[in-house]
Amino acid sequence: MPRPPRLSRTAAVTTALRILDEEGPGALSMRRLAQRLDVTSPSLYKHFRDLDDLLDAVADAVARRINAAITRETEHLDAWRAELSVVARCYCLTFRRHPHTLALVMRRPLRSRASLAGIDDMLAVLLGRGWGLPEATRALLLVESYAMGAAFTAASAGFAADSAELARHPALSAALSGSHPDLRLGTDDFEHGLTMLLDGIARDLAPKAARETARETAPDAGTALETAPEAAPDTAPADGP
């Protein structure tokens, strides 16, 4: 009788992420993961201490996907504005693809290797371009916060009030009848908001030498990221702790 394939940490994390995507956070448990992997629950504890440890690994996998996408899309860029545009799009698009992981990541402390490495790498890029540490830190936090907020809005359930209720709120009713029928942030809204944010960063935070006279964006970055396949969840040693 052939031996069953060896269970790997990478396979478990990838399947856990799939459960989150397909069934929601309430469905993910060690027992459910074991069922999806066709293994026994005790075998999972060779790789994870408990469910919380598994969730840490999923959050780390998401961070790795973001880092890999940022690295791929910024490889040939040499301007901070284009690079921060890519950072924002990678964050937003990753969490739009995996909306249930947004709350998971936001509720967990930044302690994974991937999360720490991603922040360190981007700060190092800005510092290398002559930014001060406080300004670089604030700029990166603003871009990440904007992108994650936009992803949260895009993943929301939308607006579902009946006509009688909306009649009591004429301004809101007009907005829903216009360009935003579900009161969600669309792609054009995201790009417009990102331009406004980067304009403010250029004006108030960037060093004088880095304040471009013209607005710079990553060439075709928005289109490329909308259609790009995702990076593998783990690019570091997959079966390590």
Protein backbone atom coordinates (compact mmCIF):
# COMPACT_ATOMS: atom_id res chain seq x y z
CA MET A 1 0.00 0.00 0.00
CA PRO A 2 1.59 3.35 -1.02
CA ARG A 3 2.49 5.73 1.75
CA PRO A 4 0.47 8.96 1.87
CA PRO A 5 2.36 12.06 0.73
CA ARG A 6 4.26 13.91 3.44
CA LEU A 7 2.30 16.81 4.84
CA SER A 8 4.20 20.07 4.43
CA ARG A 9 3.78 23.34 6.26
CA THR A 10 3.43 25.15 2.93
CA ALA A 11 0.57 22.91 1.79
CA ALA A 12 -1.21 23.40 5.10
CA VAL A 13 -0.88 27.19 4.98
CA THR A 14 -1.99 27.37 1.34
CA THR A 15 -5.04 25.22 2.09
CA ALA A 16 -5.87 27.26 5.19
CA LEU A 17 -5.82 30.41 3.06
CA ARG A 18 -8.11 28.71 0.55
CA ILE A 19 -10.56 27.85 3.34
CA LEU A 20 -10.58 31.49 4.45
CA ASP A 21 -11.24 32.64 0.88
CA GLU A 22 -13.96 30.11 0.13
CA GLU A 23 -15.69 29.56 3.48
CA GLY A 24 -14.83 32.54 5.67
CA PRO A 25 -12.92 32.88 8.94
CA GLY A 26 -15.49 31.01 11.00
CA ALA A 27 -14.86 27.84 9.01
CA LEU A 28 -11.12 27.58 9.64
CA SER A 29 -10.18 25.14 12.37
CA MET A 30 -7.53 22.49 12.79
CA ARG A 31 -10.17 19.83 12.21
CA ARG A 32 -11.50 21.49 9.05
CA LEU A 33 -7.98 21.94 7.70
CA ALA A 34 -7.18 18.29 8.35
CA GLN A 35 -10.33 17.29 6.44
CA ARG A 36 -9.36 19.41 3.44
CA LEU A 37 -5.84 17.97 3.46
CA ASP A 38 -7.11 14.41 4.02
CA VAL A 39 -4.88 13.96 7.06
CA THR A 40 -5.48 13.44 10.75
CA SER A 41 -5.69 16.47 13.04
CA PRO A 42 -2.71 15.37 15.18
CA SER A 43 -0.44 15.46 12.12
CA LEU A 44 -0.99 19.21 11.86
CA TYR A 45 0.45 19.74 15.32
CA LYS A 46 3.83 18.64 14.02
CA HIS A 47 3.87 21.95 12.11
CA PHE A 48 1.73 24.29 14.24
CA ARG A 49 1.40 24.60 18.01
CA ASP A 50 -2.28 25.49 17.76
CA LEU A 51 -4.78 27.39 15.63
CA ASP A 52 -3.24 30.70 16.61
CA ASP A 53 0.13 29.54 15.31
CA LEU A 54 -1.55 28.51 12.05
CA LEU A 55 -3.17 31.93 11.71
CA ASP A 56 0.24 33.55 12.26
CA ALA A 57 1.56 31.42 9.40
CA VAL A 58 -1.32 32.46 7.13
CA ALA A 59 -0.69 36.13 7.93
CA ASP A 60 2.98 35.60 7.14
CA ALA A 61 2.08 33.94 3.81
CA VAL A 62 -0.04 36.95 2.84
CA ALA A 63 2.86 39.27 3.72
CA ARG A 64 5.14 37.16 1.53
CA ARG A 65 2.75 37.52 -1.41
CA ILE A 66 2.72 41.28 -0.97
CA ASN A 67 6.52 41.46 -0.67
CA ALA A 68 7.04 39.27 -3.74
CA ALA A 69 4.66 41.41 -5.82
CA ILE A 70 6.32 44.65 -4.67
CA THR A 71 9.78 43.27 -5.45
CA ARG A 72 8.68 42.11 -8.89
CA GLU A 73 6.96 45.37 -9.85
CA THR A 74 9.58 47.78 -8.45
CA GLU A 75 12.64 45.96 -9.77
CA HIS A 76 13.25 48.45 -12.57
CA LEU A 77 11.86 51.58 -10.93
CA ASP A 78 14.06 54.36 -9.60
CA ALA A 79 11.64 56.99 -8.28
CA TRP A 80 10.04 56.98 -4.82
CA ARG A 81 6.62 58.01 -6.14
CA ALA A 82 6.42 55.12 -8.55
CA GLU A 83 7.62 52.72 -5.85
CA LEU A 84 5.09 53.86 -3.27
CA SER A 85 2.35 53.62 -5.93
CA VAL A 86 3.26 49.97 -6.40
CA VAL A 87 3.30 49.40 -2.62
CA ALA A 88 -0.23 50.78 -2.34
CA ARG A 89 -1.55 48.73 -5.27
CA CYS A 90 0.07 45.51 -4.05
CA TYR A 91 -1.44 45.89 -0.59
CA CYS A 92 -4.88 46.78 -1.91
CA LEU A 93 -5.06 44.09 -4.59
CA THR A 94 -3.77 41.32 -2.31
CA PHE A 95 -6.39 42.06 0.31
CA ARG A 96 -9.10 42.40 -2.33
CA ARG A 97 -8.19 38.89 -3.49
CA HIS A 98 -8.15 37.60 0.09
CA PRO A 99 -10.57 39.90 1.97
CA HIS A 100 -10.90 37.65 5.02
CA THR A 101 -7.19 37.97 5.71
CA LEU A 102 -7.40 41.74 6.17
CA ALA A 103 -8.87 41.56 9.67
CA LEU A 104 -6.56 38.64 10.44
CA VAL A 105 -3.46 40.68 9.60
CA MET A 106 -4.69 43.86 11.29
CA ARG A 107 -5.44 42.08 14.58
CA ARG A 108 -2.06 40.37 14.83
CA PRO A 109 1.14 42.07 15.95
CA LEU A 110 3.83 42.64 13.34
CA ARG A 111 6.19 39.83 14.25
CA SER A 112 6.50 37.60 11.20
CA ARG A 113 9.71 37.57 9.20
CA ALA A 114 7.90 38.56 6.02
CA SER A 115 6.10 41.54 7.58
CA LEU A 116 9.24 42.87 9.22
CA ALA A 117 11.35 42.33 6.09
CA GLY A 118 8.85 44.10 3.84
CA ILE A 119 8.71 47.21 6.02
CA ASP A 120 12.47 47.23 6.51
CA ASP A 121 13.14 46.92 2.77
CA MET A 122 10.85 49.81 1.83
CA LEU A 123 12.20 52.06 4.58
CA ALA A 124 15.73 51.26 3.42
CA VAL A 125 14.81 52.28 -0.14
CA LEU A 126 13.48 55.66 1.01
CA LEU A 127 16.43 56.26 3.34
CA GLY A 128 18.76 55.43 0.48
CA ARG A 129 17.07 58.16 -1.56
CA GLY A 130 17.86 60.78 1.07
CA TRP A 131 14.68 60.70 3.15
CA GLY A 132 14.79 61.34 6.87
CA LEU A 133 13.69 58.40 9.01
CA PRO A 134 10.59 60.13 10.53
CA GLU A 135 9.40 61.30 7.09
CA ALA A 136 10.02 57.91 5.45
CA THR A 137 8.20 56.11 8.26
CA ARG A 138 5.21 58.44 8.09
CA ALA A 139 5.01 58.19 4.29
CA LEU A 140 5.06 54.40 4.35
CA LEU A 141 2.46 54.22 7.12
CA LEU A 142 0.18 56.61 5.23
CA VAL A 143 0.43 54.59 2.01
CA GLU A 144 -0.15 51.25 3.76
CA SER A 145 -3.08 52.63 5.78
CA TYR A 146 -4.72 54.10 2.69
CA ALA A 147 -4.35 50.89 0.71
CA MET A 148 -5.67 48.67 3.49
CA GLY A 149 -8.60 51.01 4.11
CA ALA A 150 -9.43 50.98 0.40
CA ALA A 151 -9.30 47.17 0.37
CA PHE A 152 -11.62 47.06 3.39
CA THR A 153 -14.12 49.31 1.61
CA ALA A 154 -13.95 47.26 -1.58
CA ALA A 155 -14.58 44.05 0.38
CA SER A 156 -17.50 45.44 2.37
CA ALA A 157 -21.03 44.15 1.90
CA GLY A 158 -22.11 47.40 0.31
CA PHE A 159 -25.28 49.37 1.02
CA ALA A 160 -28.67 47.72 1.40
CA ALA A 161 -31.29 50.17 2.65
CA ASP A 162 -34.83 50.12 1.29
CA SER A 163 -36.33 53.05 -0.61
CA ALA A 164 -38.43 54.18 2.34
CA GLU A 165 -35.36 54.52 4.53
CA LEU A 166 -33.36 56.23 1.80
CA ALA A 167 -36.14 58.80 1.38
CA ARG A 168 -35.18 60.15 4.81
CA HIS A 169 -31.60 60.71 3.60
CA PRO A 170 -31.76 62.66 0.33
CA ALA A 171 -28.04 63.40 0.00
CA LEU A 172 -27.13 59.75 0.49
CA SER A 173 -29.90 58.68 -1.87
CA ALA A 174 -28.50 60.97 -4.56
CA ALA A 175 -25.01 59.54 -4.09
CA LEU A 176 -26.32 55.99 -4.44
CA SER A 177 -28.20 56.96 -7.58
CA GLY A 178 -25.08 58.43 -9.12
CA SER A 179 -21.55 57.14 -9.63
CA HIS A 180 -21.40 55.02 -6.46
CA PRO A 181 -24.55 52.86 -6.33
CA ASP A 182 -23.13 50.52 -3.70
CA LEU A 183 -21.11 53.15 -1.82
CA ARG A 184 -17.83 51.35 -2.46
CA LEU A 185 -14.46 52.71 -3.50
CA GLY A 186 -13.87 51.78 -7.15
CA THR A 187 -10.59 51.47 -9.04
CA ASP A 188 -10.79 55.03 -10.38
CA ASP A 189 -11.50 56.31 -6.86
CA PHE A 190 -8.50 54.40 -5.53
CA GLU A 191 -6.16 55.82 -8.17
CA HIS A 192 -7.49 59.35 -7.64
CA GLY A 193 -7.06 59.07 -3.88
CA LEU A 194 -3.57 57.61 -4.29
CA THR A 195 -2.54 60.55 -6.48
CA MET A 196 -3.83 62.99 -3.87
CA LEU A 197 -1.98 61.15 -1.11
CA LEU A 198 1.30 61.07 -3.02
CA ASP A 199 0.94 64.77 -3.88
CA GLY A 200 0.67 65.49 -0.16
CA ILE A 201 3.66 63.29 0.64
CA ALA A 202 5.69 65.04 -2.08
CA ARG A 203 4.76 68.44 -0.70
CA ASP A 204 5.14 67.80 3.03
CA LEU A 205 7.45 64.82 3.58
CA ALA A 206 9.77 64.18 0.64
CA PRO A 207 13.23 65.76 0.70
CA LYS A 208 13.65 68.69 -1.67
CA ALA A 209 15.80 66.72 -4.08
CA ALA A 210 13.10 64.05 -4.37
CA ARG A 211 10.14 66.34 -5.09
CA GLU A 212 9.45 65.60 -8.75
CA THR A 213 8.33 68.56 -10.79
CA ALA A 214 5.95 66.29 -12.69
CA ARG A 215 3.73 63.57 -11.28
CA GLU A 216 5.45 60.22 -11.65
CA THR A 217 3.70 56.88 -11.60
CA ALA A 218 4.90 53.37 -12.31
CA PRO A 219 4.37 52.82 -16.07
CA ASP A 220 1.32 50.58 -16.55
CA ALA A 221 1.67 49.41 -12.95
CA GLY A 222 -2.05 49.60 -12.25
CA THR A 223 -3.00 47.49 -15.25
CA ALA A 224 -0.17 45.01 -14.67
CA LEU A 225 -1.10 44.46 -11.05
CA GLU A 226 -4.81 44.07 -11.80
CA THR A 227 -4.10 41.10 -14.04
CA ALA A 228 -0.88 39.70 -12.59
CA PRO A 229 -0.91 36.18 -11.14
CA GLU A 230 -0.20 36.01 -7.45
CA ALA A 231 3.19 35.14 -6.09
CA ALA A 232 3.63 31.86 -4.26
CA PRO A 233 2.65 32.20 -0.60
CA ASP A 234 6.03 31.14 0.72
CA THR A 235 9.33 32.10 -0.85
CA ALA A 236 11.45 31.46 2.22
CA PRO A 237 12.11 27.91 3.45
CA ALA A 238 8.57 26.59 3.44
CA ASP A 239 8.74 23.99 6.15
CA GLY A 240 10.67 25.93 8.70
CA PRO A 241 9.17 27.59 11.73
